[in-house]
C-alpha cells in the first residue's frame, strides 16, 4: 500500500486573486467535491480534478431507473390478475405514457 504524502503545513502558497476569480475557483472546488487547497494543488500539478457531479447524476439515474422498474413490475402484476376492463385500460394508458420517459431516461443515462 502506498504511503500518503505528508504536506508541510508551514509552507503555504499565497495566491492573490480578484473576487470574481475567488468565486470561480471556489465554485470549481465545490463542484469537484474538494477543498480549495486540494483543487488548486491538483490543477497546479496538471491533473484533471474528478467531478462528483457525474457521480451524483449516475446515482440519481439509477434511483429513477429502479423506480421505473418497480412501477413496471406493479403494472405487470396488476394486469396479470385479470382486472376490470377500465382498470386494465387505464394501466395500458399509463404504460404508453411512461414508455417515452423510459426512452428519455436511457438516452440521458448513455450521456453520463
PDB file of N, CA and C in Angstrom:
ATOM      1  N   UNK A   1       0.842  -1.176   0.000  1.00  0.00           N
ATOM      2  CA  UNK A   1       0.000   0.000   0.000  1.00  0.00           C
ATOM      3  C   UNK A   1       0.891   1.244   0.000  1.00  0.00           C
ATOM      4  N   UNK A   2       0.582   2.190  -0.862  1.00  0.00           N
ATOM      5  CA  UNK A   2       1.388   3.406  -0.974  1.00  0.00           C
ATOM      6  C   UNK A   2       1.117   4.318   0.211  1.00  0.00           C
ATOM      7  N   UNK A   3       2.185   4.929   0.722  1.00  0.00           N
ATOM      8  CA  UNK A   3       2.057   5.869   1.815  1.00  0.00           C
ATOM      9  C   UNK A   3       1.560   7.200   1.295  1.00  0.00           C
ATOM     10  N   UNK A   4       0.669   7.815   2.028  1.00  0.00           N
ATOM     11  CA  UNK A   4       0.172   9.131   1.638  1.00  0.00           C
ATOM     12  C   UNK A   4       1.244  10.175   1.952  1.00  0.00           C
ATOM     13  N   UNK A   5       1.453  11.058   1.003  1.00  0.00           N
ATOM     14  CA  UNK A   5       2.464  12.097   1.164  1.00  0.00           C
ATOM     15  C   UNK A   5       2.011  13.094   2.228  1.00  0.00           C
ATOM     16  N   UNK A   6       2.905  13.384   3.145  1.00  0.00           N
ATOM     17  CA  UNK A   6       2.615  14.354   4.194  1.00  0.00           C
ATOM     18  C   UNK A   6       2.943  15.740   3.655  1.00  0.00           C
ATOM     19  N   UNK A   7       2.022  16.655   3.808  1.00  0.00           N
ATOM     20  CA  UNK A   7       2.231  18.013   3.312  1.00  0.00           C
ATOM     21  C   UNK A   7       2.732  18.901   4.439  1.00  0.00           C
ATOM     22  N   UNK A   8       3.661  19.757   4.103  1.00  0.00           N
ATOM     23  CA  UNK A   8       4.234  20.689   5.066  1.00  0.00           C
ATOM     24  C   UNK A   8       3.281  21.868   5.218  1.00  0.00           C
ATOM     25  N   UNK A   9       2.559  21.892   6.321  1.00  0.00           N
ATOM     26  CA  UNK A   9       1.580  22.952   6.543  1.00  0.00           C
ATOM     27  C   UNK A   9       2.247  24.278   6.913  1.00  0.00           C
ATOM     28  N   UNK A  10       3.533  24.273   7.070  1.00  0.00           N
ATOM     29  CA  UNK A  10       4.252  25.501   7.377  1.00  0.00           C
ATOM     30  C   UNK A  10       4.727  26.225   6.132  1.00  0.00           C
ATOM     31  N   UNK A  11       4.382  25.697   4.951  1.00  0.00           N
ATOM     32  CA  UNK A  11       4.820  26.307   3.690  1.00  0.00           C
ATOM     33  C   UNK A  11       3.638  26.530   2.738  1.00  0.00           C
ATOM     34  N   UNK A  12       2.693  27.341   3.130  1.00  0.00           N
ATOM     35  CA  UNK A  12       1.567  27.577   2.226  1.00  0.00           C
ATOM     36  C   UNK A  12       1.974  28.461   1.043  1.00  0.00           C
ATOM     37  N   UNK A  13       1.284  28.305  -0.045  1.00  0.00           N
ATOM     38  CA  UNK A  13       1.455  29.204  -1.196  1.00  0.00           C
ATOM     39  C   UNK A  13       0.374  30.265  -1.097  1.00  0.00           C
ATOM     40  N   UNK A  14       0.742  31.498  -1.333  1.00  0.00           N
ATOM     41  CA  UNK A  14      -0.250  32.568  -1.347  1.00  0.00           C
ATOM     42  C   UNK A  14      -0.511  32.943  -2.789  1.00  0.00           C
ATOM     43  N   UNK A  15      -1.778  33.035  -3.112  1.00  0.00           N
ATOM     44  CA  UNK A  15      -2.178  33.422  -4.461  1.00  0.00           C
ATOM     45  C   UNK A  15      -3.153  34.582  -4.327  1.00  0.00           C
ATOM     46  N   UNK A  16      -2.837  35.667  -4.982  1.00  0.00           N
ATOM     47  CA  UNK A  16      -3.706  36.841  -4.935  1.00  0.00           C
ATOM     48  C   UNK A  16      -4.673  36.779  -6.114  1.00  0.00           C
ATOM     49  N   UNK A  17      -5.953  36.885  -5.811  1.00  0.00           N
ATOM     50  CA  UNK A  17      -6.983  36.785  -6.850  1.00  0.00           C
ATOM     51  C   UNK A  17      -8.041  37.857  -6.640  1.00  0.00           C
ATOM     52  N   UNK A  18      -8.776  38.122  -7.704  1.00  0.00           N
ATOM     53  CA  UNK A  18      -9.902  39.056  -7.604  1.00  0.00           C
ATOM     54  C   UNK A  18     -11.089  38.312  -6.981  1.00  0.00           C
ATOM     55  N   UNK A  19     -12.098  39.056  -6.609  1.00  0.00           N
ATOM     56  CA  UNK A  19     -13.315  38.427  -6.060  1.00  0.00           C
ATOM     57  C   UNK A  19     -13.944  37.469  -7.073  1.00  0.00           C
ATOM     58  N   UNK A  20     -13.936  37.870  -8.354  1.00  0.00           N
ATOM     59  CA  UNK A  20     -14.512  37.012  -9.399  1.00  0.00           C
ATOM     60  C   UNK A  20     -13.708  35.718  -9.539  1.00  0.00           C
ATOM     61  N   UNK A  21     -12.374  35.845  -9.492  1.00  0.00           N
ATOM     62  CA  UNK A  21     -11.522  34.654  -9.570  1.00  0.00           C
ATOM     63  C   UNK A  21     -11.752  33.748  -8.366  1.00  0.00           C
ATOM     64  N   UNK A  22     -11.846  34.350  -7.190  1.00  0.00           N
ATOM     65  CA  UNK A  22     -12.074  33.576  -5.965  1.00  0.00           C
ATOM     66  C   UNK A  22     -13.393  32.809  -6.071  1.00  0.00           C
ATOM     67  N   UNK A  23     -14.428  33.469  -6.553  1.00  0.00           N
ATOM     68  CA  UNK A  23     -15.731  32.806  -6.695  1.00  0.00           C
ATOM     69  C   UNK A  23     -15.645  31.664  -7.706  1.00  0.00           C
ATOM     70  N   UNK A  24     -14.941  31.882  -8.799  1.00  0.00           N
ATOM     71  CA  UNK A  24     -14.795  30.855  -9.831  1.00  0.00           C
ATOM     72  C   UNK A  24     -14.041  29.635  -9.285  1.00  0.00           C
ATOM     73  N   UNK A  25     -12.941  29.890  -8.572  1.00  0.00           N
ATOM     74  CA  UNK A  25     -12.134  28.803  -8.007  1.00  0.00           C
ATOM     75  C   UNK A  25     -12.934  28.056  -6.942  1.00  0.00           C
ATOM     76  N   UNK A  26     -13.603  28.786  -6.080  1.00  0.00           N
ATOM     77  CA  UNK A  26     -14.404  28.164  -5.029  1.00  0.00           C
ATOM     78  C   UNK A  26     -15.515  27.308  -5.618  1.00  0.00           C
ATOM     79  N   UNK A  27     -16.151  27.807  -6.661  1.00  0.00           N
ATOM     80  CA  UNK A  27     -17.207  27.052  -7.335  1.00  0.00           C
ATOM     81  C   UNK A  27     -16.658  25.771  -7.961  1.00  0.00           C
ATOM     82  N   UNK A  28     -15.512  25.885  -8.622  1.00  0.00           N
ATOM     83  CA  UNK A  28     -14.891  24.704  -9.234  1.00  0.00           C
ATOM     84  C   UNK A  28     -14.532  23.663  -8.196  1.00  0.00           C
ATOM     85  N   UNK A  29     -13.996  24.098  -7.064  1.00  0.00           N
ATOM     86  CA  UNK A  29     -13.643  23.171  -5.985  1.00  0.00           C
ATOM     87  C   UNK A  29     -14.891  22.491  -5.430  1.00  0.00           C
ATOM     88  N   UNK A  30     -15.951  23.273  -5.255  1.00  0.00           N
ATOM     89  CA  UNK A  30     -17.203  22.721  -4.741  1.00  0.00           C
ATOM     90  C   UNK A  30     -17.778  21.677  -5.695  1.00  0.00           C
ATOM     91  N   UNK A  31     -17.776  21.985  -6.996  1.00  0.00           N
ATOM     92  CA  UNK A  31     -18.299  21.042  -7.984  1.00  0.00           C
ATOM     93  C   UNK A  31     -17.478  19.758  -8.040  1.00  0.00           C
ATOM     94  N   UNK A  32     -16.195  19.869  -7.741  1.00  0.00           N
ATOM     95  CA  UNK A  32     -15.318  18.690  -7.735  1.00  0.00           C
ATOM     96  C   UNK A  32     -15.360  17.969  -6.391  1.00  0.00           C
ATOM     97  N   UNK A  33     -16.051  18.559  -5.414  1.00  0.00           N
ATOM     98  CA  UNK A  33     -16.130  17.944  -4.095  1.00  0.00           C
ATOM     99  C   UNK A  33     -14.799  18.001  -3.357  1.00  0.00           C
ATOM    100  N   UNK A  34     -14.046  19.082  -3.574  1.00  0.00           N
ATOM    101  CA  UNK A  34     -12.709  19.200  -2.990  1.00  0.00           C
ATOM    102  C   UNK A  34     -12.603  20.506  -2.221  1.00  0.00           C
ATOM    103  N   UNK A  35     -11.606  20.570  -1.334  1.00  0.00           N
ATOM    104  CA  UNK A  35     -11.294  21.847  -0.702  1.00  0.00           C
ATOM    105  C   UNK A  35     -10.615  22.715  -1.762  1.00  0.00           C
ATOM    106  N   UNK A  36     -10.593  24.016  -1.536  1.00  0.00           N
ATOM    107  CA  UNK A  36      -9.931  24.926  -2.471  1.00  0.00           C
ATOM    108  C   UNK A  36      -8.452  24.573  -2.568  1.00  0.00           C
ATOM    109  N   UNK A  37      -7.831  24.256  -1.439  1.00  0.00           N
ATOM    110  CA  UNK A  37      -6.418  23.901  -1.426  1.00  0.00           C
ATOM    111  C   UNK A  37      -6.151  22.657  -2.286  1.00  0.00           C
ATOM    112  N   UNK A  38      -6.941  21.600  -2.070  1.00  0.00           N
ATOM    113  CA  UNK A  38      -6.761  20.373  -2.867  1.00  0.00           C
ATOM    114  C   UNK A  38      -7.008  20.637  -4.349  1.00  0.00           C
ATOM    115  N   UNK A  39      -8.042  21.422  -4.628  1.00  0.00           N
ATOM    116  CA  UNK A  39      -8.403  21.735  -6.017  1.00  0.00           C
ATOM    117  C   UNK A  39      -7.249  22.453  -6.724  1.00  0.00           C
ATOM    118  N   UNK A  40      -6.700  23.483  -6.083  1.00  0.00           N
ATOM    119  CA  UNK A  40      -5.598  24.229  -6.696  1.00  0.00           C
ATOM    120  C   UNK A  40      -4.338  23.378  -6.812  1.00  0.00           C
ATOM    121  N   UNK A  41      -4.103  22.491  -5.836  1.00  0.00           N
ATOM    122  CA  UNK A  41      -2.945  21.607  -5.904  1.00  0.00           C
ATOM    123  C   UNK A  41      -3.075  20.664  -7.104  1.00  0.00           C
ATOM    124  N   UNK A  42      -4.261  20.081  -7.269  1.00  0.00           N
ATOM    125  CA  UNK A  42      -4.488  19.157  -8.392  1.00  0.00           C
ATOM    126  C   UNK A  42      -4.308  19.881  -9.722  1.00  0.00           C
ATOM    127  N   UNK A  43      -4.899  21.053  -9.855  1.00  0.00           N
ATOM    128  CA  UNK A  43      -4.754  21.814 -11.096  1.00  0.00           C
ATOM    129  C   UNK A  43      -3.312  22.255 -11.315  1.00  0.00           C
ATOM    130  N   UNK A  44      -2.644  22.681 -10.251  1.00  0.00           N
ATOM    131  CA  UNK A  44      -1.269  23.157 -10.364  1.00  0.00           C
ATOM    132  C   UNK A  44      -0.294  22.051 -10.745  1.00  0.00           C
ATOM    133  N   UNK A  45      -0.636  20.820 -10.417  1.00  0.00           N
ATOM    134  CA  UNK A  45       0.214  19.681 -10.770  1.00  0.00           C
ATOM    135  C   UNK A  45      -0.224  19.034 -12.077  1.00  0.00           C
ATOM    136  N   UNK A  46      -1.051  19.730 -12.828  1.00  0.00           N
ATOM    137  CA  UNK A  46      -1.518  19.303 -14.146  1.00  0.00           C
ATOM    138  C   UNK A  46      -2.332  18.016 -14.117  1.00  0.00           C
ATOM    139  N   UNK A  47      -3.104  17.840 -13.079  1.00  0.00           N
ATOM    140  CA  UNK A  47      -4.028  16.716 -13.009  1.00  0.00           C
ATOM    141  C   UNK A  47      -5.430  17.252 -13.245  1.00  0.00           C
ATOM    142  N   UNK A  48      -6.275  16.441 -13.814  1.00  0.00           N
ATOM    143  CA  UNK A  48      -7.663  16.839 -14.045  1.00  0.00           C
ATOM    144  C   UNK A  48      -8.478  16.479 -12.803  1.00  0.00           C
ATOM    145  N   UNK A  49      -9.122  17.462 -12.155  1.00  0.00           N
ATOM    146  CA  UNK A  49      -9.931  17.122 -10.989  1.00  0.00           C
ATOM    147  C   UNK A  49     -11.153  16.305 -11.407  1.00  0.00           C
ATOM    148  N   UNK A  50     -11.478  15.307 -10.620  1.00  0.00           N
ATOM    149  CA  UNK A  50     -12.646  14.475 -10.915  1.00  0.00           C
ATOM    150  C   UNK A  50     -13.858  15.096 -10.240  1.00  0.00           C
ATOM    151  N   UNK A  51     -14.866  15.333 -11.018  1.00  0.00           N
ATOM    152  CA  UNK A  51     -16.074  15.966 -10.503  1.00  0.00           C
ATOM    153  C   UNK A  51     -16.972  14.936  -9.838  1.00  0.00           C
ATOM    154  N   UNK A  52     -17.603  15.337  -8.730  1.00  0.00           N
ATOM    155  CA  UNK A  52     -18.581  14.464  -8.100  1.00  0.00           C
ATOM    156  C   UNK A  52     -19.950  14.645  -8.747  1.00  0.00           C
ATOM    157  N   UNK A  53     -20.079  15.646  -9.599  1.00  0.00           N
ATOM    158  CA  UNK A  53     -21.359  15.901 -10.264  1.00  0.00           C
ATOM    159  C   UNK A  53     -21.819  14.697 -11.049  1.00  0.00           C
ATOM    160  N   UNK A  54     -20.929  14.090 -11.823  1.00  0.00           N
ATOM    161  CA  UNK A  54     -21.293  12.927 -12.621  1.00  0.00           C
ATOM    162  C   UNK A  54     -21.711  11.766 -11.735  1.00  0.00           C
ATOM    163  N   UNK A  55     -21.039  11.584 -10.608  1.00  0.00           N
ATOM    164  CA  UNK A  55     -21.406  10.507  -9.696  1.00  0.00           C
ATOM    165  C   UNK A  55     -22.803  10.722  -9.149  1.00  0.00           C
ATOM    166  N   UNK A  56     -23.118  11.961  -8.810  1.00  0.00           N
ATOM    167  CA  UNK A  56     -24.461  12.263  -8.322  1.00  0.00           C
ATOM    168  C   UNK A  56     -25.506  12.005  -9.397  1.00  0.00           C
ATOM    169  N   UNK A  57     -25.192  12.371 -10.639  1.00  0.00           N
ATOM    170  CA  UNK A  57     -26.127  12.152 -11.740  1.00  0.00           C
ATOM    171  C   UNK A  57     -26.359  10.661 -11.953  1.00  0.00           C
ATOM    172  N   UNK A  58     -25.301   9.875 -11.875  1.00  0.00           N
ATOM    173  CA  UNK A  58     -25.436   8.426 -12.052  1.00  0.00           C
ATOM    174  C   UNK A  58     -26.303   7.841 -10.949  1.00  0.00           C
ATOM    175  N   UNK A  59     -26.086   8.274  -9.714  1.00  0.00           N
ATOM    176  CA  UNK A  59     -26.898   7.768  -8.607  1.00  0.00           C
ATOM    177  C   UNK A  59     -28.364   8.155  -8.770  1.00  0.00           C
ATOM    178  N   UNK A  60     -28.618   9.383  -9.207  1.00  0.00           N
ATOM    179  CA  UNK A  60     -29.996   9.824  -9.421  1.00  0.00           C
ATOM    180  C   UNK A  60     -30.655   9.018 -10.532  1.00  0.00           C
ATOM    181  N   UNK A  61     -29.920   8.788 -11.622  1.00  0.00           N
ATOM    182  CA  UNK A  61     -30.473   8.000 -12.722  1.00  0.00           C
ATOM    183  C   UNK A  61     -30.733   6.561 -12.289  1.00  0.00           C
ATOM    184  N   UNK A  62     -29.842   6.008 -11.485  1.00  0.00           N
ATOM    185  CA  UNK A  62     -30.033   4.640 -11.000  1.00  0.00           C
ATOM    186  C   UNK A  62     -31.289   4.543 -10.142  1.00  0.00           C
ATOM    187  N   UNK A  63     -31.526   5.560  -9.317  1.00  0.00           N
ATOM    188  CA  UNK A  63     -32.720   5.563  -8.474  1.00  0.00           C
ATOM    189  C   UNK A  63     -33.980   5.649  -9.324  1.00  0.00           C
ATOM    190  N   UNK A  64     -33.980   6.539 -10.297  1.00  0.00           N
ATOM    191  CA  UNK A  64     -35.148   6.680 -11.175  1.00  0.00           C
ATOM    192  C   UNK A  64     -35.364   5.391 -11.958  1.00  0.00           C
ATOM    193  N   UNK A  65     -34.284   4.810 -12.433  1.00  0.00           N
ATOM    194  CA  UNK A  65     -34.391   3.556 -13.184  1.00  0.00           C
ATOM    195  C   UNK A  65     -35.005   2.458 -12.315  1.00  0.00           C
ATOM    196  N   UNK A  66     -34.583   2.382 -11.065  1.00  0.00           N
ATOM    197  CA  UNK A  66     -35.157   1.404 -10.141  1.00  0.00           C
ATOM    198  C   UNK A  66     -36.632   1.652  -9.902  1.00  0.00           C
ATOM    199  N   UNK A  67     -36.998   2.935  -9.748  1.00  0.00           N
ATOM    200  CA  UNK A  67     -38.410   3.285  -9.553  1.00  0.00           C
ATOM    201  C   UNK A  67     -39.247   2.889 -10.758  1.00  0.00           C
ATOM    202  N   UNK A  68     -38.722   3.137 -11.957  1.00  0.00           N
ATOM    203  CA  UNK A  68     -39.439   2.772 -13.182  1.00  0.00           C
ATOM    204  C   UNK A  68     -39.588   1.254 -13.266  1.00  0.00           C
ATOM    205  N   UNK A  69     -38.546   0.529 -12.900  1.00  0.00           N
ATOM    206  CA  UNK A  69     -38.614  -0.938 -12.906  1.00  0.00           C
ATOM    207  C   UNK A  69     -39.665  -1.460 -11.949  1.00  0.00           C
ATOM    208  N   UNK A  70     -39.716  -0.881 -10.746  1.00  0.00           N
ATOM    209  CA  UNK A  70     -40.739  -1.295  -9.774  1.00  0.00           C
ATOM    210  C   UNK A  70     -42.137  -0.967 -10.282  1.00  0.00           C
ATOM    211  N   UNK A  71     -42.287   0.193 -10.901  1.00  0.00           N
ATOM    212  CA  UNK A  71     -43.577   0.579 -11.463  1.00  0.00           C
ATOM    213  C   UNK A  71     -44.009  -0.409 -12.545  1.00  0.00           C
ATOM    214  N   UNK A  72     -43.064  -0.785 -13.408  1.00  0.00           N
ATOM    215  CA  UNK A  72     -43.375  -1.775 -14.443  1.00  0.00           C
ATOM    216  C   UNK A  72     -43.802  -3.099 -13.847  1.00  0.00           C
ATOM    217  N   UNK A  73     -43.123  -3.519 -12.787  1.00  0.00           N
ATOM    218  CA  UNK A  73     -43.490  -4.765 -12.110  1.00  0.00           C
ATOM    219  C   UNK A  73     -44.885  -4.695 -11.514  1.00  0.00           C
ATOM    220  N   UNK A  74     -45.213  -3.568 -10.918  1.00  0.00           N
ATOM    221  CA  UNK A  74     -46.562  -3.403 -10.353  1.00  0.00           C
ATOM    222  C   UNK A  74     -47.629  -3.430 -11.437  1.00  0.00           C
ATOM    223  N   UNK A  75     -47.350  -2.767 -12.561  1.00  0.00           N
ATOM    224  CA  UNK A  75     -48.327  -2.775 -13.659  1.00  0.00           C
ATOM    225  C   UNK A  75     -48.503  -4.177 -14.226  1.00  0.00           C
ATOM    226  N   UNK A  76     -47.399  -4.912 -14.373  1.00  0.00           N
ATOM    227  CA  UNK A  76     -47.498  -6.304 -14.858  1.00  0.00           C
ATOM    228  C   UNK A  76     -48.341  -7.146 -13.911  1.00  0.00           C
ATOM    229  N   UNK A  77     -48.079  -6.985 -12.615  1.00  0.00           N
ATOM    230  CA  UNK A  77     -48.846  -7.733 -11.618  1.00  0.00           C
ATOM    231  C   UNK A  77     -50.323  -7.376 -11.695  1.00  0.00           C
ATOM    232  N   UNK A  78     -50.607  -6.083 -11.820  1.00  0.00           N
ATOM    233  CA  UNK A  78     -51.995  -5.634 -11.905  1.00  0.00           C
ATOM    234  C   UNK A  78     -52.693  -6.247 -13.111  1.00  0.00           C
ATOM    235  N   UNK A  79     -52.023  -6.248 -14.246  1.00  0.00           N
ATOM    236  CA  UNK A  79     -52.637  -6.790 -15.468  1.00  0.00           C
ATOM    237  C   UNK A  79     -52.730  -8.314 -15.438  1.00  0.00           C
ATOM    238  N   UNK A  80     -51.893  -8.993 -14.682  1.00  0.00           N
ATOM    239  CA  UNK A  80     -51.929 -10.458 -14.626  1.00  0.00           C
ATOM    240  C   UNK A  80     -53.068 -10.967 -13.763  1.00  0.00           C
ATOM    241  N   UNK A  81     -53.643 -10.132 -12.951  1.00  0.00           N
ATOM    242  CA  UNK A  81     -54.714 -10.534 -12.048  1.00  0.00           C
ATOM    243  C   UNK A  81     -56.104 -10.388 -12.682  1.00  0.00           C
ATOM    244  N   UNK A  82     -56.182 -10.273 -13.988  1.00  0.00           N
ATOM    245  CA  UNK A  82     -57.454 -10.117 -14.714  1.00  0.00           C
ATOM    246  C   UNK A  82     -58.299  -8.995 -14.110  1.00  0.00           C
ATOM    247  N   UNK A  83     -57.805  -7.770 -14.189  1.00  0.00           N
ATOM    248  CA  UNK A  83     -58.530  -6.648 -13.590  1.00  0.00           C
ATOM    249  C   UNK A  83     -59.761  -6.282 -14.419  1.00  0.00           C
ATOM    250  N   UNK A  84     -60.633  -5.491 -13.832  1.00  0.00           N
ATOM    251  CA  UNK A  84     -61.778  -4.994 -14.612  1.00  0.00           C
ATOM    252  C   UNK A  84     -61.266  -4.215 -15.827  1.00  0.00           C
ATOM    253  N   UNK A  85     -62.071  -4.167 -16.869  1.00  0.00           N
ATOM    254  CA  UNK A  85     -61.648  -3.559 -18.134  1.00  0.00           C
ATOM    255  C   UNK A  85     -61.183  -2.120 -17.962  1.00  0.00           C
ATOM    256  N   UNK A  86     -61.881  -1.315 -17.170  1.00  0.00           N
ATOM    257  CA  UNK A  86     -61.491   0.091 -17.010  1.00  0.00           C
ATOM    258  C   UNK A  86     -60.116   0.215 -16.326  1.00  0.00           C
ATOM    259  N   UNK A  87     -59.804  -0.659 -15.382  1.00  0.00           N
ATOM    260  CA  UNK A  87     -58.505  -0.627 -14.724  1.00  0.00           C
ATOM    261  C   UNK A  87     -57.412  -1.049 -15.700  1.00  0.00           C
ATOM    262  N   UNK A  88     -57.683  -2.095 -16.484  1.00  0.00           N
ATOM    263  CA  UNK A  88     -56.710  -2.569 -17.473  1.00  0.00           C
ATOM    264  C   UNK A  88     -56.448  -1.500 -18.530  1.00  0.00           C
ATOM    265  N   UNK A  89     -57.520  -0.839 -18.973  1.00  0.00           N
ATOM    266  CA  UNK A  89     -57.354   0.224 -19.964  1.00  0.00           C
ATOM    267  C   UNK A  89     -56.511   1.371 -19.411  1.00  0.00           C
ATOM    268  N   UNK A  90     -56.773   1.759 -18.174  1.00  0.00           N
ATOM    269  CA  UNK A  90     -56.005   2.853 -17.566  1.00  0.00           C
ATOM    270  C   UNK A  90     -54.536   2.445 -17.384  1.00  0.00           C
ATOM    271  N   UNK A  91     -54.305   1.193 -16.996  1.00  0.00           N
ATOM    272  CA  UNK A  91     -52.936   0.714 -16.836  1.00  0.00           C
ATOM    273  C   UNK A  91     -52.196   0.754 -18.168  1.00  0.00           C
ATOM    274  N   UNK A  92     -52.882   0.364 -19.241  1.00  0.00           N
ATOM    275  CA  UNK A  92     -52.251   0.413 -20.570  1.00  0.00           C
ATOM    276  C   UNK A  92     -51.958   1.852 -20.982  1.00  0.00           C
ATOM    277  N   UNK A  93     -52.852   2.784 -20.629  1.00  0.00           N
ATOM    278  CA  UNK A  93     -52.603   4.199 -20.909  1.00  0.00           C
ATOM    279  C   UNK A  93     -51.351   4.686 -20.159  1.00  0.00           C
ATOM    280  N   UNK A  94     -51.240   4.274 -18.903  1.00  0.00           N
ATOM    281  CA  UNK A  94     -50.070   4.665 -18.118  1.00  0.00           C
ATOM    282  C   UNK A  94     -48.787   4.119 -18.729  1.00  0.00           C
ATOM    283  N   UNK A  95     -48.837   2.873 -19.184  1.00  0.00           N
ATOM    284  CA  UNK A  95     -47.665   2.278 -19.816  1.00  0.00           C
ATOM    285  C   UNK A  95     -47.278   3.065 -21.057  1.00  0.00           C
ATOM    286  N   UNK A  96     -48.272   3.473 -21.856  1.00  0.00           N
ATOM    287  CA  UNK A  96     -47.965   4.235 -23.066  1.00  0.00           C
ATOM    288  C   UNK A  96     -47.427   5.632 -22.731  1.00  0.00           C
ATOM    289  N   UNK A  97     -47.818   6.195 -21.590  1.00  0.00           N
ATOM    290  CA  UNK A  97     -47.287   7.491 -21.163  1.00  0.00           C
ATOM    291  C   UNK A  97     -45.870   7.349 -20.611  1.00  0.00           C
ATOM    292  N   UNK A  98     -45.593   6.235 -19.971  1.00  0.00           N
ATOM    293  CA  UNK A  98     -44.295   6.012 -19.341  1.00  0.00           C
ATOM    294  C   UNK A  98     -43.231   5.643 -20.369  1.00  0.00           C
ATOM    295  N   UNK A  99     -43.602   4.959 -21.430  1.00  0.00           N
ATOM    296  CA  UNK A  99     -42.638   4.468 -22.425  1.00  0.00           C
ATOM    297  C   UNK A  99     -41.711   5.571 -22.951  1.00  0.00           C
ATOM    298  N   UNK A 100     -42.229   6.753 -23.343  1.00  0.00           N
ATOM    299  CA  UNK A 100     -41.313   7.803 -23.810  1.00  0.00           C
ATOM    300  C   UNK A 100     -40.351   8.279 -22.718  1.00  0.00           C
ATOM    301  N   UNK A 101     -40.825   8.278 -21.468  1.00  0.00           N
ATOM    302  CA  UNK A 101     -39.957   8.688 -20.364  1.00  0.00           C
ATOM    303  C   UNK A 101     -38.827   7.683 -20.164  1.00  0.00           C
ATOM    304  N   UNK A 102     -39.116   6.410 -20.352  1.00  0.00           N
ATOM    305  CA  UNK A 102     -38.086   5.388 -20.226  1.00  0.00           C
ATOM    306  C   UNK A 102     -37.042   5.577 -21.322  1.00  0.00           C
ATOM    307  N   UNK A 103     -37.484   5.872 -22.528  1.00  0.00           N
ATOM    308  CA  UNK A 103     -36.546   6.133 -23.622  1.00  0.00           C
ATOM    309  C   UNK A 103     -35.670   7.337 -23.311  1.00  0.00           C
ATOM    310  N   UNK A 104     -36.270   8.397 -22.791  1.00  0.00           N
ATOM    311  CA  UNK A 104     -35.516   9.597 -22.426  1.00  0.00           C
ATOM    312  C   UNK A 104     -34.513   9.287 -21.309  1.00  0.00           C
ATOM    313  N   UNK A 105     -34.938   8.496 -20.343  1.00  0.00           N
ATOM    314  CA  UNK A 105     -34.055   8.094 -19.251  1.00  0.00           C
ATOM    315  C   UNK A 105     -32.845   7.337 -19.788  1.00  0.00           C
ATOM    316  N   UNK A 106     -33.069   6.409 -20.708  1.00  0.00           N
ATOM    317  CA  UNK A 106     -31.967   5.660 -21.293  1.00  0.00           C
ATOM    318  C   UNK A 106     -31.015   6.570 -22.059  1.00  0.00           C
ATOM    319  N   UNK A 107     -31.590   7.530 -22.780  1.00  0.00           N
ATOM    320  CA  UNK A 107     -30.763   8.483 -23.546  1.00  0.00           C
ATOM    321  C   UNK A 107     -29.892   9.313 -22.609  1.00  0.00           C
ATOM    322  N   UNK A 108     -30.485   9.821 -21.517  1.00  0.00           N
ATOM    323  CA  UNK A 108     -29.736  10.623 -20.554  1.00  0.00           C
ATOM    324  C   UNK A 108     -28.660   9.790 -19.868  1.00  0.00           C
ATOM    325  N   UNK A 109     -28.988   8.554 -19.545  1.00  0.00           N
ATOM    326  CA  UNK A 109     -28.025   7.680 -18.872  1.00  0.00           C
ATOM    327  C   UNK A 109     -26.835   7.393 -19.787  1.00  0.00           C
ATOM    328  N   UNK A 110     -27.079   7.267 -21.072  1.00  0.00           N
ATOM    329  CA  UNK A 110     -25.991   6.992 -22.022  1.00  0.00           C
ATOM    330  C   UNK A 110     -25.025   8.167 -22.096  1.00  0.00           C
ATOM    331  N   UNK A 111     -25.499   9.379 -21.853  1.00  0.00           N
ATOM    332  CA  UNK A 111     -24.650  10.569 -21.913  1.00  0.00           C
ATOM    333  C   UNK A 111     -23.731  10.698 -20.694  1.00  0.00           C
ATOM    334  N   UNK A 112     -24.143  10.103 -19.585  1.00  0.00           N
ATOM    335  CA  UNK A 112     -23.366  10.250 -18.335  1.00  0.00           C
ATOM    336  C   UNK A 112     -22.218   9.340 -18.305  1.00  0.00           C
TER     337      UNK A 112
END
